[in-house]
Amino acid sequence: MRELMPGQAAVSPQPGEQPPVTARQFRAALSLPLILLGGLADLATARQAMSEGFDFVAMGRALLREPDLVNRYTAGTNSTSLCVHCNRCMPTIYSGTRCVLVNPELAPQR
């Protein structure tokens, strides 16, 4: 767990770890809002995490890949992101963060 601002905390589950177990453990010990952060790419996981104790879910890379993803979740037209969590977007944080798989010609040169 890491503190975001006074009175807030975020939990980043490790790959393969089930967020609900983590949420229950933290929910039992804390009385502040919990945010699931990291690797979230489908609506079912978001709903499950919130039903198990998370107050919010945070999406980053998936929204870089598909900025309208939440709107599609709301409309019921999509339930899984195309983001593969490759982290190729990370080098772009200083030059206009973006998914380089959408426009490979804009990828930073190595």
PDB file of N, CA and C in Angstrom:
ATOM      1  N   MET A   1       0.853  -1.174   0.000  1.00  0.00           N
ATOM      2  CA  MET A   1       0.000   0.000   0.000  1.00  0.00           C
ATOM      3  C   MET A   1       0.896   1.233   0.000  1.00  0.00           C
ATOM      4  N   ARG A   2       0.459   2.249  -0.710  1.00  0.00           N
ATOM      5  CA  ARG A   2       1.202   3.499  -0.676  1.00  0.00           C
ATOM      6  C   ARG A   2       0.222   4.633  -0.461  1.00  0.00           C
ATOM      7  N   GLU A   3       0.677   5.651   0.261  1.00  0.00           N
ATOM      8  CA  GLU A   3      -0.196   6.775   0.553  1.00  0.00           C
ATOM      9  C   GLU A   3      -0.175   7.745  -0.621  1.00  0.00           C
ATOM     10  N   LEU A   4      -1.347   8.188  -1.052  1.00  0.00           N
ATOM     11  CA  LEU A   4      -1.458   9.145  -2.140  1.00  0.00           C
ATOM     12  C   LEU A   4      -1.484  10.559  -1.594  1.00  0.00           C
ATOM     13  N   MET A   5      -2.419  10.821  -0.746  1.00  0.00           N
ATOM     14  CA  MET A   5      -2.572  12.095  -0.060  1.00  0.00           C
ATOM     15  C   MET A   5      -3.018  11.735   1.342  1.00  0.00           C
ATOM     16  N   PRO A   6      -2.894  12.631   2.281  1.00  0.00           N
ATOM     17  CA  PRO A   6      -3.357  12.277   3.623  1.00  0.00           C
ATOM     18  C   PRO A   6      -4.783  11.732   3.581  1.00  0.00           C
ATOM     19  N   GLY A   7      -4.971  10.555   4.166  1.00  0.00           N
ATOM     20  CA  GLY A   7      -6.290   9.948   4.213  1.00  0.00           C
ATOM     21  C   GLY A   7      -6.652   9.108   3.009  1.00  0.00           C
ATOM     22  N   GLN A   8      -5.721   8.905   2.035  1.00  0.00           N
ATOM     23  CA  GLN A   8      -5.987   8.072   0.879  1.00  0.00           C
ATOM     24  C   GLN A   8      -4.881   7.038   0.745  1.00  0.00           C
ATOM     25  N   ALA A   9      -5.202   5.891   0.198  1.00  0.00           N
ATOM     26  CA  ALA A   9      -4.206   4.844  -0.032  1.00  0.00           C
ATOM     27  C   ALA A   9      -4.558   4.093  -1.287  1.00  0.00           C
ATOM     28  N   ALA A  10      -3.544   3.531  -1.949  1.00  0.00           N
ATOM     29  CA  ALA A  10      -3.756   2.736  -3.147  1.00  0.00           C
ATOM     30  C   ALA A  10      -3.090   1.382  -2.965  1.00  0.00           C
ATOM     31  N   VAL A  11      -3.679   0.367  -3.551  1.00  0.00           N
ATOM     32  CA  VAL A  11      -3.140  -0.984  -3.503  1.00  0.00           C
ATOM     33  C   VAL A  11      -2.904  -1.425  -4.931  1.00  0.00           C
ATOM     34  N   SER A  12      -1.719  -1.925  -5.232  1.00  0.00           N
ATOM     35  CA  SER A  12      -1.410  -2.446  -6.559  1.00  0.00           C
ATOM     36  C   SER A  12      -1.166  -3.941  -6.450  1.00  0.00           C
ATOM     37  N   PRO A  13      -2.124  -4.773  -6.853  1.00  0.00           N
ATOM     38  CA  PRO A  13      -1.918  -6.212  -6.774  1.00  0.00           C
ATOM     39  C   PRO A  13      -0.838  -6.664  -7.746  1.00  0.00           C
ATOM     40  N   GLN A  14      -0.135  -7.700  -7.377  1.00  0.00           N
ATOM     41  CA  GLN A  14       0.877  -8.278  -8.244  1.00  0.00           C
ATOM     42  C   GLN A  14       0.186  -9.075  -9.342  1.00  0.00           C
ATOM     43  N   PRO A  15       0.857  -9.273 -10.492  1.00  0.00           N
ATOM     44  CA  PRO A  15       0.231 -10.054 -11.567  1.00  0.00           C
ATOM     45  C   PRO A  15      -0.220 -11.416 -11.053  1.00  0.00           C
ATOM     46  N   GLY A  16      -1.443 -11.776 -11.390  1.00  0.00           N
ATOM     47  CA  GLY A  16      -1.991 -13.051 -10.976  1.00  0.00           C
ATOM     48  C   GLY A  16      -2.649 -13.037  -9.608  1.00  0.00           C
ATOM     49  N   GLU A  17      -2.437 -11.984  -8.828  1.00  0.00           N
ATOM     50  CA  GLU A  17      -3.048 -11.878  -7.511  1.00  0.00           C
ATOM     51  C   GLU A  17      -4.481 -11.393  -7.653  1.00  0.00           C
ATOM     52  N   GLN A  18      -5.372 -11.943  -6.883  1.00  0.00           N
ATOM     53  CA  GLN A  18      -6.776 -11.560  -6.945  1.00  0.00           C
ATOM     54  C   GLN A  18      -7.011 -10.302  -6.118  1.00  0.00           C
ATOM     55  N   PRO A  19      -7.455  -9.201  -6.728  1.00  0.00           N
ATOM     56  CA  PRO A  19      -7.703  -7.967  -5.978  1.00  0.00           C
ATOM     57  C   PRO A  19      -8.657  -8.116  -4.806  1.00  0.00           C
ATOM     58  N   PRO A  20      -9.722  -8.933  -4.886  1.00  0.00           N
ATOM     59  CA  PRO A  20     -10.644  -9.003  -3.755  1.00  0.00           C
ATOM     60  C   PRO A  20      -9.998  -9.435  -2.445  1.00  0.00           C
ATOM     61  N   VAL A  21      -9.046 -10.365  -2.477  1.00  0.00           N
ATOM     62  CA  VAL A  21      -8.371 -10.784  -1.256  1.00  0.00           C
ATOM     63  C   VAL A  21      -7.634  -9.598  -0.657  1.00  0.00           C
ATOM     64  N   THR A  22      -6.908  -8.868  -1.491  1.00  0.00           N
ATOM     65  CA  THR A  22      -6.185  -7.698  -1.024  1.00  0.00           C
ATOM     66  C   THR A  22      -7.155  -6.664  -0.467  1.00  0.00           C
ATOM     67  N   ALA A  23      -8.253  -6.442  -1.140  1.00  0.00           N
ATOM     68  CA  ALA A  23      -9.234  -5.459  -0.689  1.00  0.00           C
ATOM     69  C   ALA A  23      -9.789  -5.843   0.675  1.00  0.00           C
ATOM     70  N   ARG A  24     -10.127  -7.101   0.854  1.00  0.00           N
ATOM     71  CA  ARG A  24     -10.673  -7.530   2.144  1.00  0.00           C
ATOM     72  C   ARG A  24      -9.654  -7.341   3.257  1.00  0.00           C
ATOM     73  N   GLN A  25      -8.390  -7.650   2.983  1.00  0.00           N
ATOM     74  CA  GLN A  25      -7.355  -7.499   3.998  1.00  0.00           C
ATOM     75  C   GLN A  25      -7.194  -6.030   4.389  1.00  0.00           C
ATOM     76  N   PHE A  26      -7.134  -5.153   3.410  1.00  0.00           N
ATOM     77  CA  PHE A  26      -6.982  -3.739   3.705  1.00  0.00           C
ATOM     78  C   PHE A  26      -8.260  -3.139   4.281  1.00  0.00           C
ATOM     79  N   ARG A  27      -9.409  -3.561   3.759  1.00  0.00           N
ATOM     80  CA  ARG A  27     -10.680  -3.027   4.251  1.00  0.00           C
ATOM     81  C   ARG A  27     -10.827  -3.316   5.738  1.00  0.00           C
ATOM     82  N   ALA A  28     -10.411  -4.496   6.173  1.00  0.00           N
ATOM     83  CA  ALA A  28     -10.528  -4.861   7.582  1.00  0.00           C
ATOM     84  C   ALA A  28      -9.646  -3.999   8.477  1.00  0.00           C
ATOM     85  N   ALA A  29      -8.530  -3.514   7.930  1.00  0.00           N
ATOM     86  CA  ALA A  29      -7.571  -2.770   8.741  1.00  0.00           C
ATOM     87  C   ALA A  29      -7.686  -1.249   8.612  1.00  0.00           C
ATOM     88  N   LEU A  30      -8.362  -0.772   7.577  1.00  0.00           N
ATOM     89  CA  LEU A  30      -8.387   0.663   7.304  1.00  0.00           C
ATOM     90  C   LEU A  30      -9.804   1.197   7.205  1.00  0.00           C
ATOM     91  N   SER A  31      -9.925   2.485   7.447  1.00  0.00           N
ATOM     92  CA  SER A  31     -11.235   3.118   7.288  1.00  0.00           C
ATOM     93  C   SER A  31     -11.173   4.248   6.268  1.00  0.00           C
ATOM     94  N   LEU A  32     -10.216   4.179   5.364  1.00  0.00           N
ATOM     95  CA  LEU A  32     -10.090   5.206   4.333  1.00  0.00           C
ATOM     96  C   LEU A  32     -10.363   4.604   2.964  1.00  0.00           C
ATOM     97  N   PRO A  33     -10.621   5.424   1.962  1.00  0.00           N
ATOM     98  CA  PRO A  33     -10.936   4.894   0.632  1.00  0.00           C
ATOM     99  C   PRO A  33      -9.800   4.053   0.052  1.00  0.00           C
ATOM    100  N   LEU A  34     -10.153   2.949  -0.585  1.00  0.00           N
ATOM    101  CA  LEU A  34      -9.177   2.086  -1.253  1.00  0.00           C
ATOM    102  C   LEU A  34      -9.360   2.202  -2.756  1.00  0.00           C
ATOM    103  N   ILE A  35      -8.223   2.277  -3.469  1.00  0.00           N
ATOM    104  CA  ILE A  35      -8.232   2.401  -4.925  1.00  0.00           C
ATOM    105  C   ILE A  35      -7.447   1.240  -5.512  1.00  0.00           C
ATOM    106  N   LEU A  36      -8.059   0.466  -6.397  1.00  0.00           N
ATOM    107  CA  LEU A  36      -7.331  -0.577  -7.116  1.00  0.00           C
ATOM    108  C   LEU A  36      -6.555   0.099  -8.224  1.00  0.00           C
ATOM    109  N   LEU A  37      -5.263  -0.123  -8.251  1.00  0.00           N
ATOM    110  CA  LEU A  37      -4.388   0.540  -9.201  1.00  0.00           C
ATOM    111  C   LEU A  37      -3.458  -0.483  -9.825  1.00  0.00           C
ATOM    112  N   GLY A  38      -3.434  -0.539 -11.149  1.00  0.00           N
ATOM    113  CA  GLY A  38      -2.455  -1.365 -11.822  1.00  0.00           C
ATOM    114  C   GLY A  38      -3.023  -2.560 -12.552  1.00  0.00           C
ATOM    115  N   GLY A  39      -2.869  -2.563 -13.870  1.00  0.00           N
ATOM    116  CA  GLY A  39      -3.210  -3.721 -14.671  1.00  0.00           C
ATOM    117  C   GLY A  39      -4.680  -3.943 -14.933  1.00  0.00           C
ATOM    118  N   LEU A  40      -5.519  -3.013 -14.574  1.00  0.00           N
ATOM    119  CA  LEU A  40      -6.954  -3.174 -14.771  1.00  0.00           C
ATOM    120  C   LEU A  40      -7.284  -3.016 -16.248  1.00  0.00           C
ATOM    121  N   ALA A  41      -7.895  -4.039 -16.836  1.00  0.00           N
ATOM    122  CA  ALA A  41      -8.177  -3.985 -18.267  1.00  0.00           C
ATOM    123  C   ALA A  41      -9.561  -4.484 -18.638  1.00  0.00           C
ATOM    124  N   ASP A  42     -10.351  -4.902 -17.643  1.00  0.00           N
ATOM    125  CA  ASP A  42     -11.688  -5.364 -18.011  1.00  0.00           C
ATOM    126  C   ASP A  42     -12.711  -4.962 -16.957  1.00  0.00           C
ATOM    127  N   LEU A  43     -13.918  -4.806 -17.414  1.00  0.00           N
ATOM    128  CA  LEU A  43     -15.016  -4.344 -16.582  1.00  0.00           C
ATOM    129  C   LEU A  43     -15.345  -5.340 -15.474  1.00  0.00           C
ATOM    130  N   ALA A  44     -15.261  -6.612 -15.751  1.00  0.00           N
ATOM    131  CA  ALA A  44     -15.575  -7.621 -14.742  1.00  0.00           C
ATOM    132  C   ALA A  44     -14.644  -7.515 -13.536  1.00  0.00           C
ATOM    133  N   THR A  45     -13.353  -7.291 -13.778  1.00  0.00           N
ATOM    134  CA  THR A  45     -12.394  -7.144 -12.682  1.00  0.00           C
ATOM    135  C   THR A  45     -12.697  -5.894 -11.873  1.00  0.00           C
ATOM    136  N   ALA A  46     -13.039  -4.804 -12.550  1.00  0.00           N
ATOM    137  CA  ALA A  46     -13.384  -3.565 -11.852  1.00  0.00           C
ATOM    138  C   ALA A  46     -14.600  -3.773 -10.962  1.00  0.00           C
ATOM    139  N   ARG A  47     -15.624  -4.400 -11.499  1.00  0.00           N
ATOM    140  CA  ARG A  47     -16.836  -4.642 -10.711  1.00  0.00           C
ATOM    141  C   ARG A  47     -16.567  -5.572  -9.533  1.00  0.00           C
ATOM    142  N   GLN A  48     -15.782  -6.603  -9.775  1.00  0.00           N
ATOM    143  CA  GLN A  48     -15.466  -7.540  -8.699  1.00  0.00           C
ATOM    144  C   GLN A  48     -14.673  -6.850  -7.597  1.00  0.00           C
ATOM    145  N   ALA A  49     -13.681  -6.062  -7.973  1.00  0.00           N
ATOM    146  CA  ALA A  49     -12.870  -5.359  -6.983  1.00  0.00           C
ATOM    147  C   ALA A  49     -13.728  -4.424  -6.135  1.00  0.00           C
ATOM    148  N   MET A  50     -14.638  -3.704  -6.777  1.00  0.00           N
ATOM    149  CA  MET A  50     -15.489  -2.784  -6.033  1.00  0.00           C
ATOM    150  C   MET A  50     -16.483  -3.538  -5.150  1.00  0.00           C
ATOM    151  N   SER A  51     -16.946  -4.680  -5.594  1.00  0.00           N
ATOM    152  CA  SER A  51     -17.872  -5.452  -4.766  1.00  0.00           C
ATOM    153  C   SER A  51     -17.171  -6.069  -3.564  1.00  0.00           C
ATOM    154  N   GLU A  52     -15.849  -6.191  -3.641  1.00  0.00           N
ATOM    155  CA  GLU A  52     -15.076  -6.795  -2.561  1.00  0.00           C
ATOM    156  C   GLU A  52     -14.399  -5.782  -1.649  1.00  0.00           C
ATOM    157  N   GLY A  53     -14.694  -4.487  -1.817  1.00  0.00           N
ATOM    158  CA  GLY A  53     -14.176  -3.531  -0.849  1.00  0.00           C
ATOM    159  C   GLY A  53     -13.445  -2.329  -1.392  1.00  0.00           C
ATOM    160  N   PHE A  54     -13.036  -2.353  -2.660  1.00  0.00           N
ATOM    161  CA  PHE A  54     -12.400  -1.158  -3.213  1.00  0.00           C
ATOM    162  C   PHE A  54     -13.467  -0.094  -3.441  1.00  0.00           C
ATOM    163  N   ASP A  55     -13.127   1.156  -3.153  1.00  0.00           N
ATOM    164  CA  ASP A  55     -14.055   2.259  -3.378  1.00  0.00           C
ATOM    165  C   ASP A  55     -13.947   2.796  -4.797  1.00  0.00           C
ATOM    166  N   PHE A  56     -12.776   2.673  -5.384  1.00  0.00           N
ATOM    167  CA  PHE A  56     -12.513   3.185  -6.730  1.00  0.00           C
ATOM    168  C   PHE A  56     -11.582   2.224  -7.454  1.00  0.00           C
ATOM    169  N   VAL A  57     -11.585   2.286  -8.778  1.00  0.00           N
ATOM    170  CA  VAL A  57     -10.564   1.621  -9.583  1.00  0.00           C
ATOM    171  C   VAL A  57      -9.910   2.688 -10.449  1.00  0.00           C
ATOM    172  N   ALA A  58      -8.610   2.573 -10.642  1.00  0.00           N
ATOM    173  CA  ALA A  58      -7.876   3.547 -11.444  1.00  0.00           C
ATOM    174  C   ALA A  58      -7.325   2.861 -12.684  1.00  0.00           C
ATOM    175  N   MET A  59      -7.538   3.483 -13.820  1.00  0.00           N
ATOM    176  CA  MET A  59      -7.022   2.945 -15.074  1.00  0.00           C
ATOM    177  C   MET A  59      -6.065   3.967 -15.671  1.00  0.00           C
ATOM    178  N   GLY A  60      -4.957   3.508 -16.170  1.00  0.00           N
ATOM    179  CA  GLY A  60      -3.992   4.393 -16.807  1.00  0.00           C
ATOM    180  C   GLY A  60      -3.682   3.933 -18.214  1.00  0.00           C
ATOM    181  N   ARG A  61      -2.884   2.887 -18.319  1.00  0.00           N
ATOM    182  CA  ARG A  61      -2.433   2.415 -19.631  1.00  0.00           C
ATOM    183  C   ARG A  61      -3.587   2.034 -20.532  1.00  0.00           C
ATOM    184  N   ALA A  62      -4.608   1.400 -19.976  1.00  0.00           N
ATOM    185  CA  ALA A  62      -5.756   0.999 -20.802  1.00  0.00           C
ATOM    186  C   ALA A  62      -6.419   2.217 -21.437  1.00  0.00           C
ATOM    187  N   LEU A  63      -6.449   3.350 -20.708  1.00  0.00           N
ATOM    188  CA  LEU A  63      -7.059   4.562 -21.258  1.00  0.00           C
ATOM    189  C   LEU A  63      -6.148   5.262 -22.256  1.00  0.00           C
ATOM    190  N   LEU A  64      -4.844   5.052 -22.151  1.00  0.00           N
ATOM    191  CA  LEU A  64      -3.944   5.572 -23.189  1.00  0.00           C
ATOM    192  C   LEU A  64      -4.199   4.837 -24.496  1.00  0.00           C
ATOM    193  N   ARG A  65      -4.427   3.556 -24.394  1.00  0.00           N
ATOM    194  CA  ARG A  65      -4.680   2.733 -25.581  1.00  0.00           C
ATOM    195  C   ARG A  65      -6.053   3.039 -26.184  1.00  0.00           C
ATOM    196  N   GLU A  66      -7.053   3.225 -25.312  1.00  0.00           N
ATOM    197  CA  GLU A  66      -8.427   3.454 -25.758  1.00  0.00           C
ATOM    198  C   GLU A  66      -9.073   4.532 -24.878  1.00  0.00           C
ATOM    199  N   PRO A  67      -8.902   5.800 -25.230  1.00  0.00           N
ATOM    200  CA  PRO A  67      -9.428   6.883 -24.392  1.00  0.00           C
ATOM    201  C   PRO A  67     -10.936   6.820 -24.153  1.00  0.00           C
ATOM    202  N   ASP A  68     -11.681   6.180 -25.023  1.00  0.00           N
ATOM    203  CA  ASP A  68     -13.139   6.104 -24.864  1.00  0.00           C
ATOM    204  C   ASP A  68     -13.593   4.807 -24.178  1.00  0.00           C
ATOM    205  N   LEU A  69     -12.686   4.072 -23.575  1.00  0.00           N
ATOM    206  CA  LEU A  69     -13.009   2.773 -22.988  1.00  0.00           C
ATOM    207  C   LEU A  69     -14.109   2.862 -21.926  1.00  0.00           C
ATOM    208  N   VAL A  70     -14.038   3.829 -21.039  1.00  0.00           N
ATOM    209  CA  VAL A  70     -15.051   3.939 -19.987  1.00  0.00           C
ATOM    210  C   VAL A  70     -16.425   4.208 -20.599  1.00  0.00           C
ATOM    211  N   ASN A  71     -16.459   5.029 -21.647  1.00  0.00           N
ATOM    212  CA  ASN A  71     -17.745   5.274 -22.324  1.00  0.00           C
ATOM    213  C   ASN A  71     -18.299   3.985 -22.925  1.00  0.00           C
ATOM    214  N   ARG A  72     -17.420   3.147 -23.481  1.00  0.00           N
ATOM    215  CA  ARG A  72     -17.876   1.875 -24.043  1.00  0.00           C
ATOM    216  C   ARG A  72     -18.326   0.916 -22.939  1.00  0.00           C
ATOM    217  N   TYR A  73     -17.641   0.934 -21.800  1.00  0.00           N
ATOM    218  CA  TYR A  73     -18.087   0.136 -20.659  1.00  0.00           C
ATOM    219  C   TYR A  73     -19.495   0.567 -20.262  1.00  0.00           C
ATOM    220  N   THR A  74     -19.700   1.871 -20.161  1.00  0.00           N
ATOM    221  CA  THR A  74     -21.003   2.416 -19.765  1.00  0.00           C
ATOM    222  C   THR A  74     -22.093   2.033 -20.766  1.00  0.00           C
ATOM    223  N   ALA A  75     -21.756   2.087 -22.043  1.00  0.00           N
ATOM    224  CA  ALA A  75     -22.730   1.761 -23.092  1.00  0.00           C
ATOM    225  C   ALA A  75     -22.945   0.264 -23.242  1.00  0.00           C
ATOM    226  N   GLY A  76     -22.076  -0.537 -22.620  1.00  0.00           N
ATOM    227  CA  GLY A  76     -22.213  -1.982 -22.719  1.00  0.00           C
ATOM    228  C   GLY A  76     -21.715  -2.565 -24.031  1.00  0.00           C
ATOM    229  N   THR A  77     -20.904  -1.797 -24.774  1.00  0.00           N
ATOM    230  CA  THR A  77     -20.429  -2.274 -26.071  1.00  0.00           C
ATOM    231  C   THR A  77     -19.056  -2.934 -26.000  1.00  0.00           C
ATOM    232  N   ASN A  78     -18.425  -2.908 -24.839  1.00  0.00           N
ATOM    233  CA  ASN A  78     -17.101  -3.488 -24.704  1.00  0.00           C
ATOM    234  C   ASN A  78     -16.885  -3.847 -23.248  1.00  0.00           C
ATOM    235  N   SER A  79     -16.178  -4.927 -22.988  1.00  0.00           N
ATOM    236  CA  SER A  79     -15.901  -5.277 -21.601  1.00  0.00           C
ATOM    237  C   SER A  79     -14.420  -5.510 -21.326  1.00  0.00           C
ATOM    238  N   THR A  80     -13.588  -5.492 -22.362  1.00  0.00           N
ATOM    239  CA  THR A  80     -12.148  -5.729 -22.182  1.00  0.00           C
ATOM    240  C   THR A  80     -11.338  -4.741 -23.007  1.00  0.00           C
ATOM    241  N   SER A  81     -10.280  -4.235 -22.417  1.00  0.00           N
ATOM    242  CA  SER A  81      -9.401  -3.282 -23.093  1.00  0.00           C
ATOM    243  C   SER A  81      -8.461  -4.002 -24.060  1.00  0.00           C
ATOM    244  N   LEU A  82      -8.018  -3.280 -25.078  1.00  0.00           N
ATOM    245  CA  LEU A  82      -7.014  -3.805 -26.003  1.00  0.00           C
ATOM    246  C   LEU A  82      -5.595  -3.643 -25.460  1.00  0.00           C
ATOM    247  N   CYS A  83      -5.444  -2.940 -24.334  1.00  0.00           N
ATOM    248  CA  CYS A  83      -4.113  -2.717 -23.753  1.00  0.00           C
ATOM    249  C   CYS A  83      -3.492  -4.048 -23.350  1.00  0.00           C
ATOM    250  N   VAL A  84      -2.238  -4.250 -23.731  1.00  0.00           N
ATOM    251  CA  VAL A  84      -1.524  -5.476 -23.387  1.00  0.00           C
ATOM    252  C   VAL A  84      -0.530  -5.243 -22.246  1.00  0.00           C
ATOM    253  N   HIS A  85      -0.533  -4.054 -21.682  1.00  0.00           N
ATOM    254  CA  HIS A  85       0.317  -3.697 -20.542  1.00  0.00           C
ATOM    255  C   HIS A  85       1.797  -3.962 -20.817  1.00  0.00           C
ATOM    256  N   CYS A  86       2.220  -3.569 -22.006  1.00  0.00           N
ATOM    257  CA  CYS A  86       3.603  -3.789 -22.426  1.00  0.00           C
ATOM    258  C   CYS A  86       4.557  -2.730 -21.883  1.00  0.00           C
ATOM    259  N   ASN A  87       4.018  -1.636 -21.363  1.00  0.00           N
ATOM    260  CA  ASN A  87       4.788  -0.517 -20.809  1.00  0.00           C
ATOM    261  C   ASN A  87       5.568   0.279 -21.846  1.00  0.00           C
ATOM    262  N   ARG A  88       5.299   0.086 -23.118  1.00  0.00           N
ATOM    263  CA  ARG A  88       5.979   0.882 -24.135  1.00  0.00           C
ATOM    264  C   ARG A  88       5.542   2.342 -24.096  1.00  0.00           C
ATOM    265  N   CYS A  89       4.456   2.629 -23.385  1.00  0.00           N
ATOM    266  CA  CYS A  89       4.001   4.013 -23.229  1.00  0.00           C
ATOM    267  C   CYS A  89       4.863   4.766 -22.227  1.00  0.00           C
ATOM    268  N   MET A  90       5.545   4.073 -21.348  1.00  0.00           N
ATOM    269  CA  MET A  90       6.288   4.741 -20.276  1.00  0.00           C
ATOM    270  C   MET A  90       7.347   5.722 -20.770  1.00  0.00           C
ATOM    271  N   PRO A  91       8.135   5.419 -21.808  1.00  0.00           N
ATOM    272  CA  PRO A  91       9.129   6.405 -22.266  1.00  0.00           C
ATOM    273  C   PRO A  91       8.509   7.687 -22.832  1.00  0.00           C
ATOM    274  N   THR A  92       7.195   7.673 -23.075  1.00  0.00           N
ATOM    275  CA  THR A  92       6.562   8.857 -23.659  1.00  0.00           C
ATOM    276  C   THR A  92       6.086   9.855 -22.615  1.00  0.00           C
ATOM    277  N   ILE A  93       6.284   9.573 -21.336  1.00  0.00           N
ATOM    278  CA  ILE A  93       5.717  10.444 -20.308  1.00  0.00           C
ATOM    279  C   ILE A  93       6.296  11.849 -20.326  1.00  0.00           C
ATOM    280  N   TYR A  94       7.452  12.035 -20.911  1.00  0.00           N
ATOM    281  CA  TYR A  94       8.062  13.363 -20.962  1.00  0.00           C
ATOM    282  C   TYR A  94       7.838  14.058 -22.297  1.00  0.00           C
ATOM    283  N   SER A  95       7.164  13.387 -23.215  1.00  0.00           N
ATOM    284  CA  SER A  95       6.960  13.983 -24.540  1.00  0.00           C
ATOM    285  C   SER A  95       5.520  13.868 -25.022  1.00  0.00           C
ATOM    286  N   GLY A  96       4.598  13.700 -24.101  1.00  0.00           N
ATOM    287  CA  GLY A  96       3.184  13.540 -24.470  1.00  0.00           C
ATOM    288  C   GLY A  96       2.782  12.084 -24.360  1.00  0.00           C
ATOM    289  N   THR A  97       2.410  11.658 -23.191  1.00  0.00           N
ATOM    290  CA  THR A  97       2.112  10.253 -22.922  1.00  0.00           C
ATOM    291  C   THR A  97       1.075   9.716 -23.891  1.00  0.00           C
ATOM    292  N   ARG A  98       1.385   8.556 -24.476  1.00  0.00           N
ATOM    293  CA  ARG A  98       0.495   7.951 -25.462  1.00  0.00           C
ATOM    294  C   ARG A  98       0.832   6.467 -25.610  1.00  0.00           C
ATOM    295  N   CYS A  99      -0.089   5.729 -26.180  1.00  0.00           N
ATOM    296  CA  CYS A  99       0.148   4.320 -26.501  1.00  0.00           C
ATOM    297  C   CYS A  99       0.847   4.271 -27.843  1.00  0.00           C
ATOM    298  N   VAL A 100       2.036   3.732 -27.871  1.00  0.00           N
ATOM    299  CA  VAL A 100       2.799   3.684 -29.121  1.00  0.00           C
ATOM    300  C   VAL A 100       2.326   2.558 -30.032  1.00  0.00           C
ATOM    301  N   LEU A 101       1.488   1.662 -29.527  1.00  0.00           N
ATOM    302  CA  LEU A 101       0.957   0.609 -30.386  1.00  0.00           C
ATOM    303  C   LEU A 101      -0.146   1.141 -31.295  1.00  0.00           C
ATOM    304  N   VAL A 102      -0.784   2.235 -30.895  1.00  0.00           N
ATOM    305  CA  VAL A 102      -1.821   2.847 -31.715  1.00  0.00           C
ATOM    306  C   VAL A 102      -1.191   3.555 -32.902  1.00  0.00           C
ATOM    307  N   ASN A 103      -0.120   4.308 -32.647  1.00  0.00           N
ATOM    308  CA  ASN A 103       0.620   5.029 -33.690  1.00  0.00           C
ATOM    309  C   ASN A 103       2.105   4.722 -33.539  1.00  0.00           C
ATOM    310  N   PRO A 104       2.571   3.573 -34.028  1.00  0.00           N
ATOM    311  CA  PRO A 104       3.963   3.184 -33.838  1.00  0.00           C
ATOM    312  C   PRO A 104       4.969   4.214 -34.362  1.00  0.00           C
ATOM    313  N   GLU A 105       4.580   4.999 -35.351  1.00  0.00           N
ATOM    314  CA  GLU A 105       5.511   5.994 -35.896  1.00  0.00           C
ATOM    315  C   GLU A 105       5.824   7.093 -34.880  1.00  0.00           C
ATOM    316  N   LEU A 106       5.011   7.221 -33.840  1.00  0.00           N
ATOM    317  CA  LEU A 106       5.244   8.227 -32.812  1.00  0.00           C
ATOM    318  C   LEU A 106       6.021   7.685 -31.619  1.00  0.00           C
ATOM    319  N   ALA A 107       6.446   6.432 -31.688  1.00  0.00           N
ATOM    320  CA  ALA A 107       7.188   5.815 -30.580  1.00  0.00           C
ATOM    321  C   ALA A 107       8.536   6.491 -30.417  1.00  0.00           C
ATOM    322  N   PRO A 108       8.985   6.699 -29.169  1.00  0.00           N
ATOM    323  CA  PRO A 108      10.333   7.255 -28.939  1.00  0.00           C
ATOM    324  C   PRO A 108      11.394   6.328 -29.513  1.00  0.00           C
ATOM    325  N   GLN A 109      12.406   6.909 -30.074  1.00  0.00           N
ATOM    326  CA  GLN A 109      13.504   6.111 -30.618  1.00  0.00           C
ATOM    327  C   GLN A 109      14.390   5.634 -29.479  1.00  0.00           C
ATOM    328  N   ARG A 110      14.842   4.408 -29.578  1.00  0.00           N
ATOM    329  CA  ARG A 110      15.707   3.837 -28.515  1.00  0.00           C
ATOM    330  C   ARG A 110      17.152   4.069 -28.832  1.00  0.00           C
TER     331      ARG A 110
END
